[in-house]
Amino acid sequence: MEGLTIHEAAETTGWSPRMLRYIERIGLIEPPRSPAGYRIYGPAELQRLRTLRELLAEHEIGLGDVAFALRMRSDAE
């Protein structure tokens, strides 16, 4: 499996490892795991994190707001 570790992804995207874990916990991203259980951030996950950062800055909203919207969309289905 090829990709970045959580610390490398944090360094690349500007999020802290703690925030990346939080973003995963609230369901905004789901990085695949290595056979040893480590999170592996590939190009798709990194792009999603960058886009999320831009979205938050552009619309002045918080992660909780985005997570709530995602839950509402998922619950509607």
N, C-alpha and C. Protein backbone atom coordinates (compact mmCIF):
# COMPACT_ATOMS: atom_id res chain seq x y z
N MET A 1 0.84 -1.17 0.00
CA MET A 1 0.00 0.00 0.00
C MET A 1 0.89 1.24 0.00
N GLU A 2 0.62 2.16 -0.92
CA GLU A 2 1.46 3.34 -1.05
C GLU A 2 0.68 4.57 -0.61
N GLY A 3 1.34 5.45 0.10
CA GLY A 3 0.71 6.68 0.55
C GLY A 3 1.52 7.28 1.69
N LEU A 4 0.93 8.27 2.32
CA LEU A 4 1.59 8.97 3.41
C LEU A 4 1.05 8.52 4.76
N THR A 5 1.91 8.58 5.76
CA THR A 5 1.46 8.32 7.13
C THR A 5 0.68 9.53 7.61
N ILE A 6 0.06 9.41 8.77
CA ILE A 6 -0.73 10.52 9.30
C ILE A 6 0.13 11.75 9.54
N HIS A 7 1.36 11.55 10.00
CA HIS A 7 2.24 12.70 10.25
C HIS A 7 2.69 13.36 8.95
N GLU A 8 2.96 12.57 7.94
CA GLU A 8 3.33 13.12 6.64
C GLU A 8 2.15 13.86 6.01
N ALA A 9 0.96 13.26 6.13
CA ALA A 9 -0.25 13.90 5.59
C ALA A 9 -0.53 15.21 6.31
N ALA A 10 -0.32 15.23 7.61
CA ALA A 10 -0.53 16.46 8.39
C ALA A 10 0.42 17.55 7.92
N GLU A 11 1.65 17.19 7.73
CA GLU A 11 2.67 18.14 7.28
C GLU A 11 2.33 18.68 5.89
N THR A 12 1.83 17.82 5.02
CA THR A 12 1.51 18.19 3.64
C THR A 12 0.27 19.08 3.56
N THR A 13 -0.74 18.80 4.38
CA THR A 13 -2.03 19.49 4.26
C THR A 13 -2.20 20.66 5.21
N GLY A 14 -1.37 20.75 6.23
CA GLY A 14 -1.50 21.83 7.20
C GLY A 14 -2.40 21.50 8.38
N TRP A 15 -3.01 20.32 8.37
CA TRP A 15 -3.80 19.86 9.52
C TRP A 15 -2.85 19.18 10.50
N SER A 16 -3.19 19.14 11.75
CA SER A 16 -2.39 18.39 12.72
C SER A 16 -2.84 16.93 12.70
N PRO A 17 -1.99 16.00 13.15
CA PRO A 17 -2.42 14.60 13.22
C PRO A 17 -3.69 14.44 14.07
N ARG A 18 -3.77 15.20 15.14
CA ARG A 18 -4.96 15.13 16.00
C ARG A 18 -6.21 15.55 15.23
N MET A 19 -6.12 16.62 14.43
CA MET A 19 -7.26 17.06 13.63
C MET A 19 -7.62 16.04 12.56
N LEU A 20 -6.61 15.39 11.99
CA LEU A 20 -6.90 14.36 10.99
C LEU A 20 -7.67 13.20 11.61
N ARG A 21 -7.31 12.84 12.83
CA ARG A 21 -8.05 11.78 13.52
C ARG A 21 -9.49 12.23 13.81
N TYR A 22 -9.66 13.50 14.19
CA TYR A 22 -10.99 14.05 14.46
C TYR A 22 -11.82 14.07 13.17
N ILE A 23 -11.22 14.52 12.09
CA ILE A 23 -11.92 14.55 10.81
C ILE A 23 -12.38 13.15 10.40
N GLU A 24 -11.56 12.17 10.69
CA GLU A 24 -11.94 10.78 10.42
C GLU A 24 -13.08 10.35 11.34
N ARG A 25 -12.97 10.68 12.62
CA ARG A 25 -13.98 10.27 13.60
C ARG A 25 -15.36 10.83 13.28
N ILE A 26 -15.42 12.07 12.76
CA ILE A 26 -16.73 12.65 12.44
C ILE A 26 -17.22 12.26 11.05
N GLY A 27 -16.43 11.43 10.35
CA GLY A 27 -16.90 10.84 9.11
C GLY A 27 -16.62 11.62 7.84
N LEU A 28 -15.73 12.61 7.90
CA LEU A 28 -15.46 13.41 6.71
C LEU A 28 -14.40 12.80 5.80
N ILE A 29 -13.66 11.86 6.32
CA ILE A 29 -12.65 11.17 5.52
C ILE A 29 -12.45 9.78 6.12
N GLU A 30 -12.13 8.83 5.28
CA GLU A 30 -11.88 7.48 5.76
C GLU A 30 -10.66 6.91 5.04
N PRO A 31 -9.47 7.21 5.57
CA PRO A 31 -8.27 6.69 4.91
C PRO A 31 -8.17 5.19 5.07
N PRO A 32 -7.71 4.50 4.04
CA PRO A 32 -7.51 3.06 4.19
C PRO A 32 -6.41 2.78 5.21
N ARG A 33 -6.38 1.56 5.67
CA ARG A 33 -5.39 1.15 6.67
C ARG A 33 -4.40 0.17 6.05
N SER A 34 -3.18 0.23 6.54
CA SER A 34 -2.17 -0.73 6.12
C SER A 34 -2.48 -2.06 6.81
N PRO A 35 -1.83 -3.14 6.41
CA PRO A 35 -2.05 -4.42 7.10
C PRO A 35 -1.75 -4.33 8.60
N ALA A 36 -0.88 -3.40 8.99
CA ALA A 36 -0.55 -3.22 10.41
C ALA A 36 -1.53 -2.29 11.11
N GLY A 37 -2.48 -1.71 10.37
CA GLY A 37 -3.50 -0.85 10.97
C GLY A 37 -3.21 0.64 10.92
N TYR A 38 -2.13 1.04 10.26
CA TYR A 38 -1.80 2.46 10.16
C TYR A 38 -2.64 3.12 9.07
N ARG A 39 -3.02 4.36 9.29
CA ARG A 39 -3.74 5.12 8.27
C ARG A 39 -2.78 5.43 7.12
N ILE A 40 -3.28 5.27 5.90
CA ILE A 40 -2.50 5.57 4.71
C ILE A 40 -3.28 6.61 3.90
N TYR A 41 -2.67 7.77 3.73
CA TYR A 41 -3.31 8.86 3.00
C TYR A 41 -2.76 8.90 1.58
N GLY A 42 -3.63 8.59 0.62
CA GLY A 42 -3.26 8.62 -0.78
C GLY A 42 -3.68 9.95 -1.41
N PRO A 43 -3.51 10.07 -2.72
CA PRO A 43 -3.85 11.32 -3.41
C PRO A 43 -5.31 11.76 -3.20
N ALA A 44 -6.24 10.83 -3.20
CA ALA A 44 -7.65 11.19 -3.04
C ALA A 44 -7.92 11.77 -1.66
N GLU A 45 -7.36 11.16 -0.63
CA GLU A 45 -7.56 11.65 0.73
C GLU A 45 -6.90 13.02 0.93
N LEU A 46 -5.70 13.17 0.37
CA LEU A 46 -4.99 14.45 0.49
C LEU A 46 -5.76 15.57 -0.21
N GLN A 47 -6.30 15.27 -1.38
CA GLN A 47 -7.08 16.28 -2.11
C GLN A 47 -8.34 16.64 -1.34
N ARG A 48 -8.98 15.65 -0.76
CA ARG A 48 -10.19 15.92 0.03
C ARG A 48 -9.87 16.81 1.22
N LEU A 49 -8.74 16.58 1.87
CA LEU A 49 -8.35 17.40 3.01
C LEU A 49 -8.06 18.84 2.58
N ARG A 50 -7.40 18.99 1.44
CA ARG A 50 -7.12 20.34 0.93
C ARG A 50 -8.42 21.06 0.57
N THR A 51 -9.32 20.35 -0.09
CA THR A 51 -10.60 20.92 -0.47
C THR A 51 -11.41 21.29 0.77
N LEU A 52 -11.38 20.45 1.76
CA LEU A 52 -12.09 20.73 3.01
C LEU A 52 -11.56 22.00 3.66
N ARG A 53 -10.26 22.15 3.69
CA ARG A 53 -9.65 23.37 4.26
C ARG A 53 -10.11 24.61 3.49
N GLU A 54 -10.11 24.53 2.17
CA GLU A 54 -10.56 25.66 1.34
C GLU A 54 -12.03 25.97 1.57
N LEU A 55 -12.85 24.95 1.67
CA LEU A 55 -14.28 25.12 1.91
C LEU A 55 -14.54 25.83 3.24
N LEU A 56 -13.84 25.40 4.27
CA LEU A 56 -14.02 26.00 5.58
C LEU A 56 -13.61 27.46 5.57
N ALA A 57 -12.51 27.77 4.91
CA ALA A 57 -12.02 29.15 4.86
C ALA A 57 -12.93 30.04 4.01
N GLU A 58 -13.36 29.52 2.89
CA GLU A 58 -14.16 30.32 1.95
C GLU A 58 -15.53 30.65 2.51
N HIS A 59 -16.14 29.70 3.21
CA HIS A 59 -17.52 29.89 3.68
C HIS A 59 -17.62 30.17 5.17
N GLU A 60 -16.48 30.28 5.82
CA GLU A 60 -16.44 30.59 7.26
C GLU A 60 -17.36 29.67 8.07
N ILE A 61 -17.20 28.38 7.86
CA ILE A 61 -17.96 27.39 8.61
C ILE A 61 -16.98 26.49 9.35
N GLY A 62 -17.49 25.71 10.27
CA GLY A 62 -16.65 24.81 11.05
C GLY A 62 -16.78 23.37 10.61
N LEU A 63 -15.88 22.55 11.09
CA LEU A 63 -15.92 21.11 10.78
C LEU A 63 -17.22 20.48 11.25
N GLY A 64 -17.69 20.91 12.40
CA GLY A 64 -18.95 20.38 12.93
C GLY A 64 -20.11 20.64 12.00
N ASP A 65 -20.13 21.81 11.37
CA ASP A 65 -21.19 22.13 10.42
C ASP A 65 -21.15 21.20 9.20
N VAL A 66 -19.95 20.94 8.72
CA VAL A 66 -19.80 20.06 7.57
C VAL A 66 -20.20 18.63 7.94
N ALA A 67 -19.78 18.19 9.12
CA ALA A 67 -20.14 16.84 9.59
C ALA A 67 -21.65 16.71 9.75
N PHE A 68 -22.30 17.77 10.27
CA PHE A 68 -23.75 17.75 10.43
C PHE A 68 -24.43 17.64 9.07
N ALA A 69 -23.97 18.41 8.09
CA ALA A 69 -24.55 18.35 6.74
C ALA A 69 -24.38 16.96 6.14
N LEU A 70 -23.22 16.36 6.36
CA LEU A 70 -22.98 15.01 5.85
C LEU A 70 -23.93 14.00 6.50
N ARG A 71 -24.12 14.13 7.82
CA ARG A 71 -25.05 13.23 8.52
C ARG A 71 -26.47 13.41 8.01
N MET A 72 -26.88 14.65 7.79
CA MET A 72 -28.23 14.91 7.27
C MET A 72 -28.41 14.29 5.90
N ARG A 73 -27.40 14.40 5.09
CA ARG A 73 -27.47 13.82 3.75
C ARG A 73 -27.53 12.29 3.82
N SER A 74 -26.71 11.71 4.70
CA SER A 74 -26.68 10.25 4.84
C SER A 74 -27.98 9.72 5.43
N ASP A 75 -28.52 10.43 6.42
CA ASP A 75 -29.76 10.00 7.07
C ASP A 75 -30.94 10.08 6.12
N ALA A 76 -30.91 11.04 5.20
CA ALA A 76 -32.00 11.19 4.24
C ALA A 76 -32.11 10.00 3.32
N GLU A 77 -30.96 9.35 3.06
CA GLU A 77 -30.97 8.18 2.17
C GLU A 77 -31.48 6.99 2.94
